[in-house]
């Protein structure tokens, strides 16, 4: 009789503990879901000052050298671009020269605008010369590319091991019949020209004692840094997964997506 009375008691205790754990887990999940729903609603209801947004956009257009767009945006938004707009013409010409692959012209105009800028920024000078080499390879001017690499680029490469590594990747394009599809084909993409043009643009802004990075880029960097910190600490929060599209996903969305993927795979 005693044995019989103990057995149900043990099972009941175990069942109670298990039920308690399940209730606690359910409560925790429920609280997390409720908190996430609250956050998402607060994000949707949060009002952003349109004037401040317009100022960010104008700052970006001016910093990046989009003068025509800045002037049109001034008419539409009423936001004044400031005195920097009058200084854009030289930067625009240099940027366009780089983006069109006219590197010698870009170097000449940069030296005319700020004679010391390339002497004081060796990395910028190297990247411009590297871009000139890339343009020669793009035009399939192999002999001139080799001569330029030996006479100019090799000396720059010996000054810095990082430059030497970049030079080797650039020269490797010559080893392929179709360099665009090679492992280093990205060097021939328009994005490479844009990257060098932005580097020149930032250097000129710095010389003119202006901000080198648009405020909008700073906001995006802060957002990404904050999300990385929250992820590192395993905090559940509404995460912006696509900045260009403004897509925000809650933890429950990601969990549901992961669960559906697992089920499909199984």
Protein backbone atom coordinates (compact mmCIF):
# COMPACT_ATOMS: atom_id res chain seq x y z
CA UNK A 1 0.00 0.00 0.00
CA UNK A 2 2.82 2.37 0.86
CA UNK A 3 4.63 1.56 -2.41
CA UNK A 4 1.44 2.12 -4.35
CA UNK A 5 0.84 5.49 -2.76
CA UNK A 6 4.40 6.69 -3.51
CA UNK A 7 4.37 5.85 -7.21
CA UNK A 8 1.46 8.13 -8.18
CA UNK A 9 2.92 10.83 -5.98
CA UNK A 10 6.24 10.73 -7.87
CA UNK A 11 4.53 10.81 -11.26
CA UNK A 12 2.30 13.66 -10.21
CA UNK A 13 5.30 15.63 -8.98
CA UNK A 14 7.18 15.05 -12.23
CA UNK A 15 4.16 16.01 -14.27
CA UNK A 16 3.73 19.16 -12.24
CA UNK A 17 7.38 20.15 -12.78
CA UNK A 18 7.13 19.52 -16.49
CA UNK A 19 3.89 21.50 -16.73
CA UNK A 20 5.48 24.33 -14.80
CA UNK A 21 8.47 24.41 -17.15
CA UNK A 22 6.18 24.37 -20.18
CA UNK A 23 4.07 27.16 -18.71
CA UNK A 24 7.18 29.20 -17.95
CA UNK A 25 8.52 28.68 -21.47
CA UNK A 26 5.15 29.58 -22.97
CA UNK A 27 4.94 32.66 -20.78
CA UNK A 28 8.44 33.74 -21.80
CA UNK A 29 7.68 33.23 -25.48
CA UNK A 30 4.41 35.08 -25.09
CA UNK A 31 6.10 38.01 -23.36
CA UNK A 32 8.78 38.14 -26.04
CA UNK A 33 6.18 38.08 -28.79
CA UNK A 34 4.16 40.79 -27.11
CA UNK A 35 7.23 42.96 -26.66
CA UNK A 36 8.16 42.49 -30.32
CA UNK A 37 4.65 43.43 -31.43
CA UNK A 38 4.83 46.53 -29.26
CA UNK A 39 8.19 47.51 -30.78
CA UNK A 40 6.93 47.05 -34.32
CA UNK A 41 3.88 49.24 -33.57
CA UNK A 42 6.08 51.93 -32.03
CA UNK A 43 8.33 51.89 -35.11
CA UNK A 44 5.34 52.27 -37.41
CA UNK A 45 3.87 55.09 -35.30
CA UNK A 46 7.16 56.96 -34.90
CA UNK A 47 7.17 60.25 -36.80
CA UNK A 48 10.31 61.50 -38.52
CA UNK A 49 10.66 65.23 -39.14
CA UNK A 50 10.50 65.67 -42.92
CA UNK A 51 12.66 68.79 -42.76
CA UNK A 52 15.43 66.85 -41.02
CA UNK A 53 15.14 64.07 -43.60
CA UNK A 54 15.39 66.59 -46.42
CA UNK A 55 18.51 68.08 -44.83
CA UNK A 56 20.10 64.61 -44.77
CA UNK A 57 19.27 64.11 -48.43
CA UNK A 58 20.65 67.52 -49.38
CA UNK A 59 23.83 66.89 -47.40
CA UNK A 60 24.30 63.61 -49.25
CA UNK A 61 23.80 65.18 -52.69
CA UNK A 62 26.26 68.00 -51.97
CA UNK A 63 28.89 65.77 -50.35
CA UNK A 64 28.78 63.29 -53.20
CA UNK A 65 28.95 66.01 -55.86
CA UNK A 66 25.48 65.73 -57.42
CA UNK A 67 25.08 69.45 -58.13
CA UNK A 68 22.19 69.29 -60.60
CA UNK A 69 20.23 66.98 -58.31
CA UNK A 70 20.96 69.26 -55.34
CA UNK A 71 19.66 72.30 -57.22
CA UNK A 72 16.48 70.48 -58.24
CA UNK A 73 16.00 69.18 -54.72
CA UNK A 74 16.37 72.72 -53.36
CA UNK A 75 13.42 73.82 -55.49
CA UNK A 76 11.30 70.86 -54.43
CA UNK A 77 12.12 70.81 -50.72
CA UNK A 78 13.05 74.38 -49.91
CA UNK A 79 16.25 73.21 -48.21
CA UNK A 80 19.27 75.39 -48.95
CA UNK A 81 22.45 73.47 -49.91
CA UNK A 82 24.78 76.04 -48.36
CA UNK A 83 27.90 77.68 -49.78
CA UNK A 84 29.48 74.29 -50.56
CA UNK A 85 27.38 74.07 -53.73
CA UNK A 86 29.55 76.71 -55.38
CA UNK A 87 32.63 74.55 -54.77
CA UNK A 88 31.20 71.48 -56.48
CA UNK A 89 32.22 72.16 -60.08
CA UNK A 90 35.86 71.13 -59.74
CA UNK A 91 35.00 68.04 -57.73
CA UNK A 92 32.35 67.06 -60.27
CA UNK A 93 34.78 67.33 -63.18
CA UNK A 94 37.37 65.20 -61.38
CA UNK A 95 34.79 62.61 -60.35
CA UNK A 96 33.42 62.37 -63.89
CA UNK A 97 36.93 62.00 -65.31
CA UNK A 98 37.62 59.03 -63.03
CA UNK A 99 34.24 57.46 -63.70
CA UNK A 100 34.88 57.77 -67.45
CA UNK A 101 38.31 56.17 -67.13
CA UNK A 102 40.18 59.39 -67.95
CA UNK A 103 42.70 59.02 -65.16
CA UNK A 104 45.43 61.31 -66.54
CA UNK A 105 42.88 64.13 -66.79
CA UNK A 106 41.69 63.44 -63.23
CA UNK A 107 45.26 63.56 -61.90
CA UNK A 108 46.00 66.80 -63.78
CA UNK A 109 42.83 68.49 -62.47
CA UNK A 110 43.49 67.27 -58.93
CA UNK A 111 47.01 68.69 -59.01
CA UNK A 112 45.71 72.00 -60.35
CA UNK A 113 43.10 72.19 -57.60
CA UNK A 114 45.33 71.03 -54.72
CA UNK A 115 48.99 70.59 -55.76
CA UNK A 116 49.99 68.76 -52.57
CA UNK A 117 47.09 66.36 -52.24
CA UNK A 118 48.59 63.40 -54.13
CA UNK A 119 52.01 63.91 -52.57
CA UNK A 120 50.55 63.80 -49.08
CA UNK A 121 48.20 60.87 -49.76
CA UNK A 122 50.31 58.09 -51.25
CA UNK A 123 47.45 55.58 -51.12
CA UNK A 124 45.29 57.87 -53.25
CA UNK A 125 48.08 58.35 -55.79
CA UNK A 126 48.58 54.58 -55.97
CA UNK A 127 44.87 53.89 -56.50
CA UNK A 128 44.72 56.43 -59.32
CA UNK A 129 47.75 54.87 -61.00
CA UNK A 130 46.27 51.42 -60.44
CA UNK A 131 43.07 52.59 -62.09
CA UNK A 132 45.09 53.85 -65.06
CA UNK A 133 46.62 50.38 -65.37
CA UNK A 134 43.16 48.83 -65.18
CA UNK A 135 41.96 51.10 -67.99
CA UNK A 136 44.89 50.01 -70.19
CA UNK A 137 43.99 46.38 -69.53
CA UNK A 138 40.33 47.12 -70.26
CA UNK A 139 41.36 48.55 -73.64
CA UNK A 140 43.47 45.39 -74.22
CA UNK A 141 46.56 47.57 -74.61
CA UNK A 142 48.82 44.84 -73.23
CA UNK A 143 52.21 46.26 -74.26
CA UNK A 144 51.51 49.67 -72.77
CA UNK A 145 50.04 48.09 -69.65
CA UNK A 146 53.19 46.02 -69.10
CA UNK A 147 55.45 49.02 -69.73
CA UNK A 148 53.43 51.18 -67.34
CA UNK A 149 53.47 48.48 -64.67
CA UNK A 150 57.24 48.11 -64.89
CA UNK A 151 58.08 51.81 -65.06
CA UNK A 152 55.59 53.25 -62.57
CA UNK A 153 53.64 50.64 -60.63
CA UNK A 154 56.54 48.37 -59.67
CA UNK A 155 58.27 51.23 -57.84
CA UNK A 156 55.09 52.01 -55.92
CA UNK A 157 54.65 48.32 -55.10
CA UNK A 158 58.07 48.03 -53.50
CA UNK A 159 57.24 50.92 -51.16
CA UNK A 160 54.33 49.10 -49.55
CA UNK A 161 53.49 45.39 -49.39
CA UNK A 162 49.77 46.17 -49.53
CA UNK A 163 50.30 48.03 -52.81
CA UNK A 164 52.29 45.08 -54.15
CA UNK A 165 49.43 42.69 -53.39
CA UNK A 166 46.92 44.95 -55.16
CA UNK A 167 49.28 45.32 -58.11
CA UNK A 168 49.63 41.54 -58.45
CA UNK A 169 45.83 41.15 -58.54
CA UNK A 170 45.58 43.83 -61.22
CA UNK A 171 48.33 42.29 -63.34
CA UNK A 172 46.67 38.88 -63.02
CA UNK A 173 43.92 40.18 -65.31
CA UNK A 174 46.39 39.88 -68.20
CA UNK A 175 46.61 36.12 -67.68
CA UNK A 176 42.99 35.55 -68.74
CA UNK A 177 41.50 35.61 -72.23
CA UNK A 178 38.29 36.93 -70.68
CA UNK A 179 39.45 39.03 -67.70
CA UNK A 180 35.87 40.13 -66.94
CA UNK A 181 34.98 36.59 -65.86
CA UNK A 182 38.24 36.02 -63.98
CA UNK A 183 38.52 35.95 -60.16
CA UNK A 184 39.67 39.58 -60.39
CA UNK A 185 37.02 40.70 -62.86
CA UNK A 186 35.48 43.01 -60.27
CA UNK A 187 38.36 45.41 -60.95
CA UNK A 188 36.86 46.02 -64.39
CA UNK A 189 33.39 46.75 -63.02
CA UNK A 190 32.10 50.34 -62.94
CA UNK A 191 31.97 50.04 -59.15
CA UNK A 192 35.78 50.07 -59.11
CA UNK A 193 35.82 53.45 -60.86
CA UNK A 194 33.18 54.75 -58.47
CA UNK A 195 35.22 53.62 -55.47
CA UNK A 196 38.32 55.48 -56.67
CA UNK A 197 36.22 58.54 -57.57
CA UNK A 198 34.75 58.57 -54.06
CA UNK A 199 38.22 58.30 -52.56
CA UNK A 200 39.40 61.30 -54.56
CA UNK A 201 36.23 63.19 -53.65
CA UNK A 202 36.75 62.53 -49.92
CA UNK A 203 40.39 63.62 -50.12
CA UNK A 204 39.43 66.92 -51.74
CA UNK A 205 36.74 67.52 -49.12
CA UNK A 206 39.25 66.88 -46.37
CA UNK A 207 41.67 69.35 -47.93
CA UNK A 208 38.86 71.91 -48.03
CA UNK A 209 38.17 71.24 -44.32
CA UNK A 210 34.75 69.79 -45.07
CA UNK A 211 33.12 66.60 -43.86
CA UNK A 212 34.35 63.62 -45.87
CA UNK A 213 31.35 61.38 -45.23
CA UNK A 214 27.69 62.28 -45.80
CA UNK A 215 25.61 62.42 -42.63
CA UNK A 216 23.24 59.86 -44.14
CA UNK A 217 26.09 57.37 -44.41
CA UNK A 218 26.88 58.04 -40.76
CA UNK A 219 23.30 57.24 -39.78
CA UNK A 220 23.41 53.96 -41.71
CA UNK A 221 26.73 53.01 -40.11
CA UNK A 222 25.30 53.71 -36.67
CA UNK A 223 22.29 51.53 -37.46
CA UNK A 224 24.46 48.63 -38.63
CA UNK A 225 26.79 48.94 -35.65
CA UNK A 226 23.84 48.96 -33.22
CA UNK A 227 22.32 45.86 -34.85
CA UNK A 228 25.64 44.04 -34.72
CA UNK A 229 25.96 44.83 -31.00
CA UNK A 230 22.41 43.58 -30.32
CA UNK A 231 23.07 40.42 -32.35
CA UNK A 232 26.31 39.82 -30.46
CA UNK A 233 24.41 40.01 -27.18
CA UNK A 234 21.60 37.77 -28.53
CA UNK A 235 18.96 40.45 -28.04
CA UNK A 236 15.66 39.92 -29.84
CA UNK A 237 14.53 43.06 -31.65
CA UNK A 238 12.98 44.22 -34.96
CA UNK A 239 15.96 44.04 -37.34
CA UNK A 240 16.36 45.92 -40.59
CA UNK A 241 17.43 43.17 -42.97
CA UNK A 242 17.44 45.22 -46.18
CA UNK A 243 18.45 48.87 -45.84
CA UNK A 244 17.80 49.70 -49.50
CA UNK A 245 14.22 48.41 -49.26
CA UNK A 246 13.68 49.41 -45.62
CA UNK A 247 12.65 45.85 -44.74
CA UNK A 248 12.24 45.21 -41.02
CA UNK A 249 11.75 41.72 -39.65
CA UNK A 250 10.87 40.75 -36.12
CA UNK A 251 12.49 37.81 -34.39
CA UNK A 252 9.29 35.82 -34.78
CA UNK A 253 9.37 36.37 -38.56
CA UNK A 254 12.93 35.05 -38.77
CA UNK A 255 12.08 32.13 -36.51
CA UNK A 256 9.01 31.28 -38.57
CA UNK A 257 11.01 31.47 -41.79
CA UNK A 258 13.71 29.23 -40.33
CA UNK A 259 11.08 26.75 -39.14
CA UNK A 260 9.40 26.63 -42.55
CA UNK A 261 12.76 26.07 -44.26
CA UNK A 262 13.56 23.21 -41.88
CA UNK A 263 10.17 21.60 -42.43
CA UNK A 264 10.49 21.84 -46.22
CA UNK A 265 13.98 20.39 -46.15
CA UNK A 266 12.86 17.51 -43.97
